[in-house]
C-alpha atoms as a PDB file:
ATOM      1  CA  UNK A   1       0.011  -0.123  -0.489  1.00  0.00           C
ATOM      2  CA  UNK A   2       1.387   3.286  -0.904  1.00  0.00           C
ATOM      3  CA  UNK A   3       1.888   5.995   1.400  1.00  0.00           C
ATOM      4  CA  UNK A   4      -0.733   8.421   0.118  1.00  0.00           C
ATOM      5  CA  UNK A   5      -3.259   5.345   0.115  1.00  0.00           C
ATOM      6  CA  UNK A   6      -2.232   4.718   4.118  1.00  0.00           C
ATOM      7  CA  UNK A   7      -2.621   8.373   4.648  1.00  0.00           C
ATOM      8  CA  UNK A   8      -6.293   8.615   3.187  1.00  0.00           C
ATOM      9  CA  UNK A   9      -7.495   5.578   4.739  1.00  0.00           C
ATOM     10  CA  UNK A  10      -6.646   6.679   8.279  1.00  0.00           C
ATOM     11  CA  UNK A  11      -8.072  10.426   7.738  1.00  0.00           C
ATOM     12  CA  UNK A  12     -11.514   9.258   7.639  1.00  0.00           C
ATOM     13  CA  UNK A  13     -13.129   9.757  10.889  1.00  0.00           C
ATOM     14  CA  UNK A  14     -16.730   9.581  10.675  1.00  0.00           C
ATOM     15  CA  UNK A  15     -16.689   6.141   9.310  1.00  0.00           C
ATOM     16  CA  UNK A  16     -14.022   5.024  11.881  1.00  0.00           C
ATOM     17  CA  UNK A  17     -16.529   6.116  14.505  1.00  0.00           C
ATOM     18  CA  UNK A  18     -19.490   4.317  12.705  1.00  0.00           C
ATOM     19  CA  UNK A  19     -17.791   1.572  12.838  1.00  0.00           C
ATOM     20  CA  UNK A  20     -16.436   1.581  16.567  1.00  0.00           C
ATOM     21  CA  UNK A  21     -20.124   2.236  17.376  1.00  0.00           C
ATOM     22  CA  UNK A  22     -21.219  -0.866  15.275  1.00  0.00           C
ATOM     23  CA  UNK A  23     -18.606  -2.608  17.351  1.00  0.00           C
ATOM     24  CA  UNK A  24     -19.620  -1.617  20.542  1.00  0.00           C
ATOM     25  CA  UNK A  25     -23.296  -2.646  19.636  1.00  0.00           C
ATOM     26  CA  UNK A  26     -22.101  -6.290  18.723  1.00  0.00           C
ATOM     27  CA  UNK A  27     -19.941  -6.491  21.772  1.00  0.00           C
ATOM     28  CA  UNK A  28     -23.234  -5.734  23.700  1.00  0.00           C
ATOM     29  CA  UNK A  29     -25.104  -8.275  21.813  1.00  0.00           C
ATOM     30  CA  UNK A  30     -22.744 -10.730  21.973  1.00  0.00           C
ATOM     31  CA  UNK A  31     -22.768 -10.227  26.151  1.00  0.00           C
ATOM     32  CA  UNK A  32     -26.890 -10.282  26.006  1.00  0.00           C
ATOM     33  CA  UNK A  33     -26.574 -13.384  24.112  1.00  0.00           C
ATOM     34  CA  UNK A  34     -24.485 -14.750  26.652  1.00  0.00           C
ATOM     35  CA  UNK A  35     -26.157 -13.970  29.609  1.00  0.00           C
ATOM     36  CA  UNK A  36     -29.632 -15.523  27.809  1.00  0.00           C
ATOM     37  CA  UNK A  37     -27.915 -18.339  26.585  1.00  0.00           C
ATOM     38  CA  UNK A  38     -26.189 -19.127  30.174  1.00  0.00           C
ATOM     39  CA  UNK A  39     -29.675 -19.427  31.895  1.00  0.00           C
ATOM     40  CA  UNK A  40     -30.217 -22.534  29.502  1.00  0.00           C
ATOM     41  CA  UNK A  41     -26.758 -24.198  29.537  1.00  0.00           C
ATOM     42  CA  UNK A  42     -23.698 -24.268  31.432  1.00  0.00           C
ATOM     43  CA  UNK A  43     -21.043 -21.146  30.783  1.00  0.00           C
ATOM     44  CA  UNK A  44     -18.349 -23.943  29.604  1.00  0.00           C
ATOM     45  CA  UNK A  45     -20.889 -25.251  26.844  1.00  0.00           C
ATOM     46  CA  UNK A  46     -21.512 -21.311  26.015  1.00  0.00           C
ATOM     47  CA  UNK A  47     -18.180 -19.664  26.288  1.00  0.00           C
ATOM     48  CA  UNK A  48     -16.954 -22.843  23.769  1.00  0.00           C
ATOM     49  CA  UNK A  49     -19.663 -22.258  21.545  1.00  0.00           C
ATOM     50  CA  UNK A  50     -18.296 -18.533  21.311  1.00  0.00           C
ATOM     51  CA  UNK A  51     -14.714 -19.610  20.316  1.00  0.00           C
ATOM     52  CA  UNK A  52     -15.812 -22.535  17.924  1.00  0.00           C
ATOM     53  CA  UNK A  53     -17.794 -19.872  15.471  1.00  0.00           C
ATOM     54  CA  UNK A  54     -15.059 -17.281  16.493  1.00  0.00           C
ATOM     55  CA  UNK A  55     -12.053 -19.095  15.288  1.00  0.00           C
ATOM     56  CA  UNK A  56     -13.809 -21.338  12.258  1.00  0.00           C
ATOM     57  CA  UNK A  57     -14.841 -17.610  10.726  1.00  0.00           C
ATOM     58  CA  UNK A  58     -11.407 -16.589  10.932  1.00  0.00           C
ATOM     59  CA  UNK A  59      -9.606 -19.565   9.690  1.00  0.00           C
ATOM     60  CA  UNK A  60     -12.207 -19.371   6.783  1.00  0.00           C
ATOM     61  CA  UNK A  61     -11.104 -15.522   6.564  1.00  0.00           C
ATOM     62  CA  UNK A  62      -7.253 -15.689   6.869  1.00  0.00           C
ATOM     63  CA  UNK A  63      -5.955 -19.610   6.413  1.00  0.00           C
ATOM     64  CA  UNK A  64      -6.687 -19.074   2.353  1.00  0.00           C
ATOM     65  CA  UNK A  65      -4.428 -16.027   2.257  1.00  0.00           C
ATOM     66  CA  UNK A  66      -2.065 -16.739   4.605  1.00  0.00           C
ATOM     67  CA  UNK A  67      -1.823 -20.522   5.418  1.00  0.00           C
ATOM     68  CA  UNK A  68      -0.747 -21.972   8.529  1.00  0.00           C
ATOM     69  CA  UNK A  69       2.127 -19.553   9.242  1.00  0.00           C
ATOM     70  CA  UNK A  70      -0.457 -17.457  10.602  1.00  0.00           C
ATOM     71  CA  UNK A  71       0.109 -19.158  13.427  1.00  0.00           C
ATOM     72  CA  UNK A  72       4.175 -18.689  13.571  1.00  0.00           C
ATOM     73  CA  UNK A  73       5.091 -16.987  16.762  1.00  0.00           C
ATOM     74  CA  UNK A  74       8.385 -15.620  18.454  1.00  0.00           C
ATOM     75  CA  UNK A  75       7.077 -15.745  21.822  1.00  0.00           C
ATOM     76  CA  UNK A  76       4.588 -18.935  22.085  1.00  0.00           C
ATOM     77  CA  UNK A  77       4.908 -18.794  26.275  1.00  0.00           C
ATOM     78  CA  UNK A  78       3.446 -15.066  25.857  1.00  0.00           C
ATOM     79  CA  UNK A  79       0.488 -15.944  23.810  1.00  0.00           C
ATOM     80  CA  UNK A  80      -0.114 -18.926  25.807  1.00  0.00           C
ATOM     81  CA  UNK A  81      -0.656 -16.456  28.671  1.00  0.00           C
ATOM     82  CA  UNK A  82      -2.672 -14.031  26.458  1.00  0.00           C
ATOM     83  CA  UNK A  83      -4.404 -16.635  25.169  1.00  0.00           C
ATOM     84  CA  UNK A  84      -5.752 -17.676  28.723  1.00  0.00           C
ATOM     85  CA  UNK A  85      -5.991 -14.239  30.254  1.00  0.00           C
ATOM     86  CA  UNK A  86      -8.724 -13.665  27.802  1.00  0.00           C
ATOM     87  CA  UNK A  87     -10.282 -17.276  28.186  1.00  0.00           C
ATOM     88  CA  UNK A  88     -10.665 -15.999  31.997  1.00  0.00           C
ATOM     89  CA  UNK A  89     -11.912 -12.901  31.016  1.00  0.00           C
ATOM     90  CA  UNK A  90     -14.634 -14.964  29.142  1.00  0.00           C
ATOM     91  CA  UNK A  91     -14.991 -17.716  31.864  1.00  0.00           C
ATOM     92  CA  UNK A  92     -15.700 -14.921  34.704  1.00  0.00           C
ATOM     93  CA  UNK A  93     -17.653 -12.268  32.640  1.00  0.00           C
ATOM     94  CA  UNK A  94     -20.419 -14.666  31.776  1.00  0.00           C
ATOM     95  CA  UNK A  95     -20.721 -16.529  34.922  1.00  0.00           C
ATOM     96  CA  UNK A  96     -20.926 -12.805  35.951  1.00  0.00           C
ATOM     97  CA  UNK A  97     -23.945 -12.253  33.925  1.00  0.00           C
ATOM     98  CA  UNK A  98     -25.651 -15.137  35.308  1.00  0.00           C
ATOM     99  CA  UNK A  99     -25.868 -13.244  38.654  1.00  0.00           C
ATOM    100  CA  UNK A 100     -25.709  -8.883  37.760  1.00  0.00           C
ATOM    101  CA  UNK A 101     -27.222  -7.409  35.440  1.00  0.00           C
ATOM    102  CA  UNK A 102     -25.809  -6.060  31.645  1.00  0.00           C
ATOM    103  CA  UNK A 103     -24.911  -2.602  32.205  1.00  0.00           C
ATOM    104  CA  UNK A 104     -23.429  -2.878  35.466  1.00  0.00           C
ATOM    105  CA  UNK A 105     -21.221  -6.076  34.814  1.00  0.00           C
ATOM    106  CA  UNK A 106     -20.028  -3.854  31.665  1.00  0.00           C
ATOM    107  CA  UNK A 107     -19.491  -1.106  33.783  1.00  0.00           C
ATOM    108  CA  UNK A 108     -17.454  -3.142  36.184  1.00  0.00           C
ATOM    109  CA  UNK A 109     -15.557  -4.915  33.355  1.00  0.00           C
ATOM    110  CA  UNK A 110     -14.691  -1.328  31.946  1.00  0.00           C
ATOM    111  CA  UNK A 111     -12.106  -1.112  34.882  1.00  0.00           C
ATOM    112  CA  UNK A 112      -9.666  -2.690  32.582  1.00  0.00           C
ATOM    113  CA  UNK A 113      -8.366   0.490  30.773  1.00  0.00           C
ATOM    114  CA  UNK A 114      -8.096   1.805  34.289  1.00  0.00           C
ATOM    115  CA  UNK A 115      -6.220  -1.260  35.809  1.00  0.00           C
ATOM    116  CA  UNK A 116      -3.845  -1.486  32.752  1.00  0.00           C
ATOM    117  CA  UNK A 117      -2.495   2.377  33.710  1.00  0.00           C
ATOM    118  CA  UNK A 118      -2.157   1.350  37.343  1.00  0.00           C
ATOM    119  CA  UNK A 119      -0.257  -1.775  36.717  1.00  0.00           C
ATOM    120  CA  UNK A 120       1.961  -0.399  33.886  1.00  0.00           C
ATOM    121  CA  UNK A 121       4.171   1.174  36.050  1.00  0.00           C
ATOM    122  CA  UNK A 122       5.531  -2.385  38.025  1.00  0.00           C
ATOM    123  CA  UNK A 123       4.999  -4.279  35.023  1.00  0.00           C
ATOM    124  CA  UNK A 124       6.285  -2.307  31.742  1.00  0.00           C
ATOM    125  CA  UNK A 125       8.223   0.487  33.787  1.00  0.00           C
ATOM    126  CA  UNK A 126       5.964   3.522  32.506  1.00  0.00           C
ATOM    127  CA  UNK A 127       5.574   6.589  33.976  1.00  0.00           C
ATOM    128  CA  UNK A 128       2.067   7.588  35.289  1.00  0.00           C
ATOM    129  CA  UNK A 129       1.372  10.935  36.051  1.00  0.00           C
ATOM    130  CA  UNK A 130      -0.793  12.138  39.310  1.00  0.00           C
ATOM    131  CA  UNK A 131      -3.575  12.739  36.838  1.00  0.00           C
ATOM    132  CA  UNK A 132      -3.816   9.185  35.959  1.00  0.00           C
ATOM    133  CA  UNK A 133      -3.483   7.934  39.338  1.00  0.00           C
ATOM    134  CA  UNK A 134      -6.949  10.216  40.593  1.00  0.00           C
ATOM    135  CA  UNK A 135      -8.680   8.855  37.313  1.00  0.00           C
ATOM    136  CA  UNK A 136      -7.617   5.060  38.225  1.00  0.00           C
ATOM    137  CA  UNK A 137      -9.036   6.011  41.699  1.00  0.00           C
ATOM    138  CA  UNK A 138     -12.173   7.745  40.203  1.00  0.00           C
ATOM    139  CA  UNK A 139     -13.001   4.351  38.799  1.00  0.00           C
ATOM    140  CA  UNK A 140     -12.540   2.361  41.881  1.00  0.00           C
ATOM    141  CA  UNK A 141     -15.360   4.952  43.478  1.00  0.00           C
ATOM    142  CA  UNK A 142     -17.567   4.666  40.643  1.00  0.00           C
ATOM    143  CA  UNK A 143     -17.639   0.536  41.276  1.00  0.00           C
ATOM    144  CA  UNK A 144     -18.301   1.616  44.936  1.00  0.00           C
ATOM    145  CA  UNK A 145     -21.202   3.381  43.761  1.00  0.00           C
ATOM    146  CA  UNK A 146     -22.626   0.208  41.696  1.00  0.00           C
ATOM    147  CA  UNK A 147     -22.147  -2.092  44.377  1.00  0.00           C
ATOM    148  CA  UNK A 148     -22.596   0.316  47.512  1.00  0.00           C
ATOM    149  CA  UNK A 149     -23.458  -1.780  50.815  1.00  0.00           C
ATOM    150  CA  UNK A 150     -27.255  -2.557  51.154  1.00  0.00           C
ATOM    151  CA  UNK A 151     -27.659  -2.511  47.420  1.00  0.00           C
ATOM    152  CA  UNK A 152     -28.709  -5.533  45.749  1.00  0.00           C
ATOM    153  CA  UNK A 153     -25.367  -5.613  44.055  1.00  0.00           C
ATOM    154  CA  UNK A 154     -23.857  -6.277  47.160  1.00  0.00           C
ATOM    155  CA  UNK A 155     -22.765  -9.625  46.967  1.00  0.00           C
ATOM    156  CA  UNK A 156     -20.032 -11.962  46.513  1.00  0.00           C
ATOM    157  CA  UNK A 157     -20.879 -12.723  42.454  1.00  0.00           C
ATOM    158  CA  UNK A 158     -19.264  -9.100  41.933  1.00  0.00           C
ATOM    159  CA  UNK A 159     -15.767 -10.539  42.570  1.00  0.00           C
ATOM    160  CA  UNK A 160     -17.038 -12.502  38.663  1.00  0.00           C
ATOM    161  CA  UNK A 161     -16.908  -9.412  36.446  1.00  0.00           C
ATOM    162  CA  UNK A 162     -14.061  -8.240  38.686  1.00  0.00           C
ATOM    163  CA  UNK A 163     -11.917 -10.587  37.895  1.00  0.00           C
ATOM    164  CA  UNK A 164     -12.847 -10.687  34.861  1.00  0.00           C
ATOM    165  CA  UNK A 165     -11.826  -6.731  34.691  1.00  0.00           C
ATOM    166  CA  UNK A 166      -8.352  -7.769  35.844  1.00  0.00           C
ATOM    167  CA  UNK A 167      -7.687 -11.124  33.634  1.00  0.00           C
ATOM    168  CA  UNK A 168      -8.753  -8.261  30.711  1.00  0.00           C
ATOM    169  CA  UNK A 169      -6.301  -6.181  32.072  1.00  0.00           C
ATOM    170  CA  UNK A 170      -3.275  -8.431  31.971  1.00  0.00           C
ATOM    171  CA  UNK A 171      -4.629  -9.694  27.951  1.00  0.00           C
ATOM    172  CA  UNK A 172      -4.114  -6.021  27.300  1.00  0.00           C
ATOM    173  CA  UNK A 173      -0.721  -5.724  28.794  1.00  0.00           C
ATOM    174  CA  UNK A 174       0.773  -8.980  26.901  1.00  0.00           C
ATOM    175  CA  UNK A 175      -0.871  -7.573  23.834  1.00  0.00           C
ATOM    176  CA  UNK A 176       0.859  -4.843  23.954  1.00  0.00           C
ATOM    177  CA  UNK A 177       4.178  -6.431  24.676  1.00  0.00           C
ATOM    178  CA  UNK A 178       3.506  -8.608  21.996  1.00  0.00           C
ATOM    179  CA  UNK A 179       2.493  -5.950  19.215  1.00  0.00           C
ATOM    180  CA  UNK A 180       5.981  -5.491  18.638  1.00  0.00           C
ATOM    181  CA  UNK A 181       6.792  -8.900  18.077  1.00  0.00           C
ATOM    182  CA  UNK A 182       3.528 -10.574  16.372  1.00  0.00           C
ATOM    183  CA  UNK A 183       1.146  -9.192  14.126  1.00  0.00           C
ATOM    184  CA  UNK A 184      -2.425  -8.627  15.297  1.00  0.00           C
ATOM    185  CA  UNK A 185      -3.743 -11.573  12.837  1.00  0.00           C
ATOM    186  CA  UNK A 186      -1.123 -13.796  14.614  1.00  0.00           C
ATOM    187  CA  UNK A 187      -2.107 -13.110  18.153  1.00  0.00           C
ATOM    188  CA  UNK A 188      -5.961 -13.113  17.376  1.00  0.00           C
ATOM    189  CA  UNK A 189      -6.336 -16.336  15.769  1.00  0.00           C
ATOM    190  CA  UNK A 190      -3.546 -18.053  18.511  1.00  0.00           C
ATOM    191  CA  UNK A 191      -5.533 -16.993  21.010  1.00  0.00           C
ATOM    192  CA  UNK A 192      -9.121 -18.114  19.461  1.00  0.00           C
ATOM    193  CA  UNK A 193      -7.478 -21.487  18.185  1.00  0.00           C
ATOM    194  CA  UNK A 194      -6.048 -22.145  21.257  1.00  0.00           C
ATOM    195  CA  UNK A 195      -8.829 -21.135  23.757  1.00  0.00           C
ATOM    196  CA  UNK A 196     -11.055 -23.342  21.456  1.00  0.00           C
ATOM    197  CA  UNK A 197      -8.882 -26.351  21.935  1.00  0.00           C
ATOM    198  CA  UNK A 198      -9.109 -25.833  25.553  1.00  0.00           C
ATOM    199  CA  UNK A 199     -12.636 -25.439  25.830  1.00  0.00           C
ATOM    200  CA  UNK A 200     -13.349 -28.654  23.611  1.00  0.00           C
ATOM    201  CA  UNK A 201     -11.639 -30.570  25.562  1.00  0.00           C
ATOM    202  CA  UNK A 202     -14.041 -29.418  28.567  1.00  0.00           C
ATOM    203  CA  UNK A 203     -17.103 -29.074  26.643  1.00  0.00           C
ATOM    204  CA  UNK A 204     -18.033 -33.107  26.561  1.00  0.00           C
ATOM    205  CA  UNK A 205     -18.481 -33.003  30.796  1.00  0.00           C
ATOM    206  CA  UNK A 206     -21.104 -30.107  30.356  1.00  0.00           C
ATOM    207  CA  UNK A 207     -22.815 -31.125  26.509  1.00  0.00           C
ATOM    208  CA  UNK A 208     -26.461 -30.323  26.524  1.00  0.00           C
ATOM    209  CA  UNK A 209     -28.178 -31.115  23.345  1.00  0.00           C
ATOM    210  CA  UNK A 210     -29.310 -27.364  22.198  1.00  0.00           C
ATOM    211  CA  UNK A 211     -32.488 -26.712  20.611  1.00  0.00           C
ATOM    212  CA  UNK A 212     -32.510 -25.303  17.260  1.00  0.00           C
ATOM    213  CA  UNK A 213     -33.675 -22.014  17.829  1.00  0.00           C
ATOM    214  CA  UNK A 214     -30.529 -21.736  20.655  1.00  0.00           C
ATOM    215  CA  UNK A 215     -28.297 -23.372  18.152  1.00  0.00           C
ATOM    216  CA  UNK A 216     -29.037 -20.555  16.012  1.00  0.00           C
ATOM    217  CA  UNK A 217     -28.322 -18.350  18.832  1.00  0.00           C
ATOM    218  CA  UNK A 218     -24.590 -19.863  19.680  1.00  0.00           C
ATOM    219  CA  UNK A 219     -23.911 -19.178  16.007  1.00  0.00           C
ATOM    220  CA  UNK A 220     -24.779 -15.609  16.125  1.00  0.00           C
ATOM    221  CA  UNK A 221     -22.586 -15.392  19.187  1.00  0.00           C
ATOM    222  CA  UNK A 222     -19.757 -16.066  17.462  1.00  0.00           C
ATOM    223  CA  UNK A 223     -20.518 -14.308  14.787  1.00  0.00           C
ATOM    224  CA  UNK A 224     -20.883 -11.184  16.740  1.00  0.00           C
ATOM    225  CA  UNK A 225     -17.998 -11.455  18.497  1.00  0.00           C
ATOM    226  CA  UNK A 226     -16.244 -11.982  15.264  1.00  0.00           C
ATOM    227  CA  UNK A 227     -17.680  -9.383  13.481  1.00  0.00           C
ATOM    228  CA  UNK A 228     -17.303  -7.080  16.556  1.00  0.00           C
ATOM    229  CA  UNK A 229     -13.478  -7.624  16.437  1.00  0.00           C
ATOM    230  CA  UNK A 230     -13.304  -7.482  12.036  1.00  0.00           C
ATOM    231  CA  UNK A 231     -14.859  -3.787  12.784  1.00  0.00           C
ATOM    232  CA  UNK A 232     -13.020  -2.552  15.431  1.00  0.00           C
ATOM    233  CA  UNK A 233      -9.999  -2.994  13.151  1.00  0.00           C
ATOM    234  CA  UNK A 234     -11.233  -1.395  10.698  1.00  0.00           C
ATOM    235  CA  UNK A 235     -12.036   1.403  12.695  1.00  0.00           C
ATOM    236  CA  UNK A 236      -8.506   2.095  13.560  1.00  0.00           C
ATOM    237  CA  UNK A 237      -7.671   1.695  10.425  1.00  0.00           C
ATOM    238  CA  UNK A 238     -10.042   5.088   9.108  1.00  0.00           C
ATOM    239  CA  UNK A 239      -9.314   7.151  12.424  1.00  0.00           C
ATOM    240  CA  UNK A 240      -6.744   7.689  15.243  1.00  0.00           C
ATOM    241  CA  UNK A 241      -6.802   5.607  18.457  1.00  0.00           C
ATOM    242  CA  UNK A 242      -7.188   8.559  20.278  1.00  0.00           C
ATOM    243  CA  UNK A 243     -10.229   9.853  18.169  1.00  0.00           C
ATOM    244  CA  UNK A 244     -12.036   6.669  18.772  1.00  0.00           C
ATOM    245  CA  UNK A 245     -11.573   5.790  22.204  1.00  0.00           C
ATOM    246  CA  UNK A 246     -14.233   7.945  23.682  1.00  0.00           C
ATOM    247  CA  UNK A 247     -16.777   6.025  21.252  1.00  0.00           C
ATOM    248  CA  UNK A 248     -15.541   2.650  22.851  1.00  0.00           C
ATOM    249  CA  UNK A 249     -18.043   3.736  25.733  1.00  0.00           C
ATOM    250  CA  UNK A 250     -21.345   3.391  23.823  1.00  0.00           C
ATOM    251  CA  UNK A 251     -20.926  -0.242  24.556  1.00  0.00           C
ATOM    252  CA  UNK A 252     -22.295   0.785  28.070  1.00  0.00           C
ATOM    253  CA  UNK A 253     -25.117   2.634  26.625  1.00  0.00           C
ATOM    254  CA  UNK A 254     -26.064  -0.376  24.389  1.00  0.00           C
ATOM    255  CA  UNK A 255     -25.024  -2.901  27.283  1.00  0.00           C
ATOM    256  CA  UNK A 256     -27.996  -0.772  29.522  1.00  0.00           C
ATOM    257  CA  UNK A 257     -30.718  -0.616  26.475  1.00  0.00           C
ATOM    258  CA  UNK A 258     -29.945  -4.469  25.713  1.00  0.00           C
ATOM    259  CA  UNK A 259     -30.221  -4.851  29.158  1.00  0.00           C
ATOM    260  CA  UNK A 260     -33.787  -2.858  29.454  1.00  0.00           C
ATOM    261  CA  UNK A 261     -35.209  -4.583  26.338  1.00  0.00           C
ATOM    262  CA  UNK A 262     -34.094  -8.120  26.814  1.00  0.00           C
ATOM    263  CA  UNK A 263     -34.098  -8.587  30.411  1.00  0.00           C
ATOM    264  CA  UNK A 264     -36.506  -5.790  31.625  1.00  0.00           C
ATOM    265  CA  UNK A 265     -33.928  -4.536  33.786  1.00  0.00           C
ATOM    266  CA  UNK A 266     -33.893  -0.579  35.085  1.00  0.00           C
ATOM    267  CA  UNK A 267     -30.209   0.356  36.847  1.00  0.00           C
ATOM    268  CA  UNK A 268     -30.686   2.133  40.329  1.00  0.00           C
ATOM    269  CA  UNK A 269     -30.003   5.480  40.850  1.00  0.00           C
ATOM    270  CA  UNK A 270     -26.693   5.212  42.193  1.00  0.00           C
ATOM    271  CA  UNK A 271     -26.094   2.522  39.564  1.00  0.00           C
ATOM    272  CA  UNK A 272     -26.006   4.876  37.202  1.00  0.00           C
ATOM    273  CA  UNK A 273     -23.600   7.314  38.712  1.00  0.00           C
ATOM    274  CA  UNK A 274     -21.209   4.725  38.955  1.00  0.00           C
ATOM    275  CA  UNK A 275     -21.443   3.990  35.662  1.00  0.00           C
ATOM    276  CA  UNK A 276     -20.642   7.797  35.001  1.00  0.00           C
ATOM    277  CA  UNK A 277     -18.415   8.047  37.043  1.00  0.00           C
ATOM    278  CA  UNK A 278     -16.501   5.224  35.237  1.00  0.00           C
ATOM    279  CA  UNK A 279     -16.942   6.389  31.909  1.00  0.00           C
ATOM    280  CA  UNK A 280     -15.497   9.863  33.216  1.00  0.00           C
ATOM    281  CA  UNK A 281     -12.699   8.290  34.790  1.00  0.00           C
ATOM    282  CA  UNK A 282     -11.871   6.070  31.710  1.00  0.00           C
ATOM    283  CA  UNK A 283     -11.838   9.212  29.414  1.00  0.00           C
ATOM    284  CA  UNK A 284      -9.929  11.043  31.557  1.00  0.00           C
ATOM    285  CA  UNK A 285      -7.186   8.599  31.830  1.00  0.00           C
ATOM    286  CA  UNK A 286      -7.186   8.352  28.218  1.00  0.00           C
ATOM    287  CA  UNK A 287      -7.103  12.028  27.530  1.00  0.00           C
ATOM    288  CA  UNK A 288      -4.056  12.180  29.641  1.00  0.00           C
ATOM    289  CA  UNK A 289      -2.180   9.387  27.985  1.00  0.00           C
ATOM    290  CA  UNK A 290      -2.790  11.306  24.629  1.00  0.00           C
ATOM    291  CA  UNK A 291      -1.464  14.614  26.094  1.00  0.00           C
ATOM    292  CA  UNK A 292       1.531  13.157  27.751  1.00  0.00           C
ATOM    293  CA  UNK A 293       2.116  11.202  24.326  1.00  0.00           C
ATOM    294  CA  UNK A 294       1.685  14.152  22.452  1.00  0.00           C
ATOM    295  CA  UNK A 295       3.975  16.113  25.329  1.00  0.00           C
ATOM    296  CA  UNK A 296       6.607  13.795  26.561  1.00  0.00           C
END
């Protein structure tokens, strides 16, 4: 690709924004399907279906182009750790959805970028400013508003989305470490294939024959996840990450809407305030990171 074409492709901000908003809608739809299906089938089976469909779709797209060399990695151990972190996120978040409403669970999971900011100091040797530390602290205050003592979410089940956020944090840190070593296609395909094989070893112990309609929903589950990831990749080809980052928080809005329409759940006022605080803290952390990058 020529330089002029690359630049023109990266200067279509409205197209990038549209793609990332569509991606967040599909991610929320994926989570809503996971919550619905986990009411009928074991979490192991639901997560297995998601990875099987996702990986088969990736194989259909990338193997004809690149063959098995798409799986060649220079750091196999890091790739395995990254895949396990993603699997932990899937299992813990889907398990949490059995007890926690969609919007609140999504908001707690959005602590991951703030955890990345905090853990990038000891793990990556990065410098974090006082403003970024305040943003991280504000994010945890938002969680306290969602899970306040005496509220209906003040149960041990809230540890599931919190654990999911921690796993997703390590997944993002490992992704950052591998970004200059392996291609994104290799990293994503490796994680999908590894997790499919791992879940396929477990699923026979939890297998239930799905109905025809639920089988279609499982196909839609993997399709939503795969399509969302492709749209996200394309979005960053059309606009800068700093511009697109705030629109990632549309996922909380869609999660709230789907939670209301599909599960008839309306968050408490305190939960809505906590969700807003987490959004603002994440946006503040992203803005401070952008500002520091522009003025090293």
